[in-house]
Amino acid sequence: MSLGVTEITLILIVILLLFGGKRIPELARALGKASYEFKKAKEVIKKETDEIKDAIEDASEKPEEYKPQDV
C-alpha cells in the first residue's frame, strides 16, 4: 500500500497547519539526527553480533581447547 500524491499533499498541509512554517526545519533536523543515531546504533549492534558469532564459531571448531572445570 503506497501513498499517492493527494495523500502526501494532505499530510504535508496538516503538518504545516499543526507546526507552522518556522518549526518544520527544526523538526526535520531532529528527525535526521534521530535517523542517524538509529543507523549508527544498528551498525554497532551488528558489529558486536558478528564478533560474538565469530567467537562462537571459533570455539566450536576447537572443542579440545575448552575444558570446563568441575564445580
N, C-alpha and C. Protein backbone atom coordinates (compact mmCIF):
# COMPACT_ATOMS: atom_id res chain seq x y z
N MET A 1 0.84 -1.17 0.00
CA MET A 1 0.00 0.00 0.00
C MET A 1 0.89 1.23 0.00
N SER A 2 0.86 1.99 -1.06
CA SER A 2 1.69 3.18 -1.15
C SER A 2 0.80 4.43 -1.14
N LEU A 3 1.42 5.52 -0.75
CA LEU A 3 0.71 6.78 -0.69
C LEU A 3 0.76 7.47 -2.05
N GLY A 4 -0.35 8.05 -2.43
CA GLY A 4 -0.40 8.79 -3.68
C GLY A 4 -0.05 10.25 -3.44
N VAL A 5 -0.04 11.00 -4.51
CA VAL A 5 0.30 12.42 -4.45
C VAL A 5 -0.70 13.18 -3.58
N THR A 6 -1.97 12.85 -3.72
CA THR A 6 -3.01 13.53 -2.94
C THR A 6 -2.82 13.30 -1.45
N GLU A 7 -2.54 12.06 -1.05
CA GLU A 7 -2.36 11.76 0.36
C GLU A 7 -1.13 12.46 0.92
N ILE A 8 -0.04 12.46 0.19
CA ILE A 8 1.18 13.12 0.64
C ILE A 8 0.95 14.62 0.79
N THR A 9 0.27 15.22 -0.17
CA THR A 9 -0.04 16.65 -0.11
C THR A 9 -0.90 16.97 1.10
N LEU A 10 -1.89 16.16 1.36
CA LEU A 10 -2.76 16.36 2.52
C LEU A 10 -1.98 16.25 3.82
N ILE A 11 -1.09 15.28 3.92
CA ILE A 11 -0.26 15.10 5.11
C ILE A 11 0.64 16.32 5.32
N LEU A 12 1.25 16.82 4.25
CA LEU A 12 2.12 18.00 4.35
C LEU A 12 1.34 19.23 4.78
N ILE A 13 0.12 19.41 4.28
CA ILE A 13 -0.72 20.55 4.67
C ILE A 13 -1.07 20.46 6.15
N VAL A 14 -1.42 19.27 6.62
CA VAL A 14 -1.75 19.10 8.04
C VAL A 14 -0.53 19.40 8.91
N ILE A 15 0.63 18.92 8.51
CA ILE A 15 1.86 19.19 9.26
C ILE A 15 2.14 20.68 9.30
N LEU A 16 1.98 21.35 8.18
CA LEU A 16 2.20 22.79 8.11
C LEU A 16 1.24 23.54 9.02
N LEU A 17 -0.02 23.12 9.04
CA LEU A 17 -1.01 23.77 9.89
C LEU A 17 -0.74 23.51 11.38
N LEU A 18 -0.31 22.30 11.71
CA LEU A 18 -0.07 21.97 13.10
C LEU A 18 1.18 22.63 13.67
N PHE A 19 2.24 22.63 12.93
CA PHE A 19 3.53 23.07 13.46
C PHE A 19 3.96 24.45 12.97
N GLY A 20 3.43 24.92 11.89
CA GLY A 20 3.85 26.21 11.36
C GLY A 20 5.12 26.10 10.55
N GLY A 21 5.35 27.08 9.72
CA GLY A 21 6.49 27.07 8.80
C GLY A 21 7.84 27.16 9.48
N LYS A 22 7.89 27.82 10.64
CA LYS A 22 9.18 28.01 11.30
C LYS A 22 9.65 26.76 12.03
N ARG A 23 8.73 25.91 12.45
CA ARG A 23 9.11 24.71 13.21
C ARG A 23 9.45 23.52 12.32
N ILE A 24 9.04 23.54 11.07
CA ILE A 24 9.26 22.38 10.19
C ILE A 24 10.75 22.10 9.99
N PRO A 25 11.61 23.09 9.71
CA PRO A 25 13.04 22.77 9.58
C PRO A 25 13.63 22.19 10.86
N GLU A 26 13.18 22.70 12.01
CA GLU A 26 13.65 22.18 13.29
C GLU A 26 13.23 20.73 13.48
N LEU A 27 12.01 20.41 13.13
CA LEU A 27 11.53 19.03 13.22
C LEU A 27 12.26 18.12 12.24
N ALA A 28 12.52 18.61 11.04
CA ALA A 28 13.24 17.82 10.05
C ALA A 28 14.67 17.53 10.51
N ARG A 29 15.30 18.53 11.11
CA ARG A 29 16.66 18.35 11.63
C ARG A 29 16.68 17.30 12.74
N ALA A 30 15.71 17.38 13.64
CA ALA A 30 15.63 16.41 14.74
C ALA A 30 15.37 15.01 14.20
N LEU A 31 14.53 14.90 13.20
CA LEU A 31 14.26 13.60 12.59
C LEU A 31 15.52 13.05 11.91
N GLY A 32 16.27 13.90 11.25
CA GLY A 32 17.52 13.48 10.61
C GLY A 32 18.54 12.99 11.62
N LYS A 33 18.66 13.71 12.75
CA LYS A 33 19.60 13.29 13.80
C LYS A 33 19.18 11.95 14.39
N ALA A 34 17.88 11.80 14.62
CA ALA A 34 17.38 10.53 15.18
C ALA A 34 17.65 9.38 14.22
N SER A 35 17.44 9.62 12.94
CA SER A 35 17.70 8.59 11.94
C SER A 35 19.18 8.21 11.92
N TYR A 36 20.06 9.22 11.99
CA TYR A 36 21.49 8.96 12.01
C TYR A 36 21.89 8.14 13.23
N GLU A 37 21.39 8.52 14.40
CA GLU A 37 21.72 7.80 15.63
C GLU A 37 21.21 6.36 15.58
N PHE A 38 20.02 6.16 15.00
CA PHE A 38 19.49 4.81 14.87
C PHE A 38 20.37 3.96 13.97
N LYS A 39 20.79 4.51 12.84
CA LYS A 39 21.66 3.76 11.92
C LYS A 39 23.00 3.44 12.57
N LYS A 40 23.54 4.40 13.33
CA LYS A 40 24.82 4.19 14.00
C LYS A 40 24.69 3.08 15.05
N ALA A 41 23.63 3.11 15.82
CA ALA A 41 23.41 2.08 16.84
C ALA A 41 23.20 0.72 16.20
N LYS A 42 22.50 0.70 15.07
CA LYS A 42 22.27 -0.56 14.36
C LYS A 42 23.59 -1.16 13.88
N GLU A 43 24.49 -0.32 13.40
CA GLU A 43 25.80 -0.82 12.94
C GLU A 43 26.62 -1.36 14.10
N VAL A 44 26.58 -0.69 15.25
CA VAL A 44 27.32 -1.15 16.43
C VAL A 44 26.80 -2.51 16.88
N ILE A 45 25.48 -2.65 16.92
CA ILE A 45 24.88 -3.93 17.33
C ILE A 45 25.24 -5.02 16.33
N LYS A 46 25.21 -4.71 15.05
CA LYS A 46 25.56 -5.70 14.02
C LYS A 46 27.02 -6.12 14.18
N LYS A 47 27.91 -5.17 14.43
CA LYS A 47 29.33 -5.48 14.59
C LYS A 47 29.54 -6.39 15.81
N GLU A 48 28.89 -6.04 16.94
CA GLU A 48 29.04 -6.85 18.14
C GLU A 48 28.46 -8.25 17.94
N THR A 49 27.34 -8.34 17.24
CA THR A 49 26.73 -9.65 16.96
C THR A 49 27.66 -10.50 16.10
N ASP A 50 28.27 -9.88 15.09
CA ASP A 50 29.20 -10.62 14.23
C ASP A 50 30.42 -11.10 15.03
N GLU A 51 30.91 -10.27 15.95
CA GLU A 51 32.06 -10.67 16.76
C GLU A 51 31.70 -11.85 17.66
N ILE A 52 30.52 -11.81 18.25
CA ILE A 52 30.08 -12.92 19.11
C ILE A 52 29.90 -14.18 18.29
N LYS A 53 29.30 -14.03 17.11
CA LYS A 53 29.10 -15.19 16.22
C LYS A 53 30.44 -15.81 15.83
N ASP A 54 31.42 -14.97 15.50
CA ASP A 54 32.74 -15.48 15.13
C ASP A 54 33.41 -16.18 16.31
N ALA A 55 33.24 -15.63 17.50
CA ALA A 55 33.83 -16.25 18.69
C ALA A 55 33.20 -17.62 18.95
N ILE A 56 31.90 -17.71 18.77
CA ILE A 56 31.21 -19.00 18.98
C ILE A 56 31.66 -20.01 17.93
N GLU A 57 31.80 -19.56 16.68
CA GLU A 57 32.25 -20.47 15.62
C GLU A 57 33.67 -20.94 15.89
N ASP A 58 34.54 -20.04 16.35
CA ASP A 58 35.91 -20.42 16.67
C ASP A 58 35.94 -21.43 17.81
N ALA A 59 35.10 -21.21 18.82
CA ALA A 59 35.06 -22.12 19.96
C ALA A 59 34.52 -23.49 19.56
N SER A 60 33.58 -23.53 18.63
CA SER A 60 33.01 -24.81 18.22
C SER A 60 33.97 -25.58 17.32
N GLU A 61 34.86 -24.88 16.65
CA GLU A 61 35.84 -25.55 15.80
C GLU A 61 36.97 -26.18 16.62
N LYS A 62 37.21 -25.66 17.81
CA LYS A 62 38.31 -26.14 18.64
C LYS A 62 37.77 -26.57 20.00
N PRO A 63 36.97 -27.61 20.05
CA PRO A 63 36.38 -28.00 21.36
C PRO A 63 37.41 -28.57 22.32
N GLU A 64 38.54 -29.11 21.85
CA GLU A 64 39.50 -29.71 22.76
C GLU A 64 40.23 -28.64 23.59
N GLU A 65 40.26 -27.41 23.15
CA GLU A 65 40.92 -26.35 23.90
C GLU A 65 40.08 -25.91 25.09
N TYR A 66 38.79 -26.05 24.98
CA TYR A 66 37.90 -25.62 26.07
C TYR A 66 37.60 -26.81 26.97
N LYS A 67 38.06 -26.72 28.18
CA LYS A 67 37.80 -27.79 29.14
C LYS A 67 37.17 -27.16 30.38
N PRO A 68 35.86 -27.32 30.53
CA PRO A 68 35.23 -26.72 31.70
C PRO A 68 35.69 -27.41 32.98
N GLN A 69 35.82 -26.64 34.01
CA GLN A 69 36.27 -27.17 35.29
C GLN A 69 35.07 -27.67 36.07
N ASP A 70 35.32 -28.70 36.86
CA ASP A 70 34.25 -29.23 37.70
C ASP A 70 33.96 -28.23 38.82
N VAL A 71 32.71 -28.02 39.07
CA VAL A 71 32.33 -27.07 40.10
C VAL A 71 31.84 -27.81 41.32
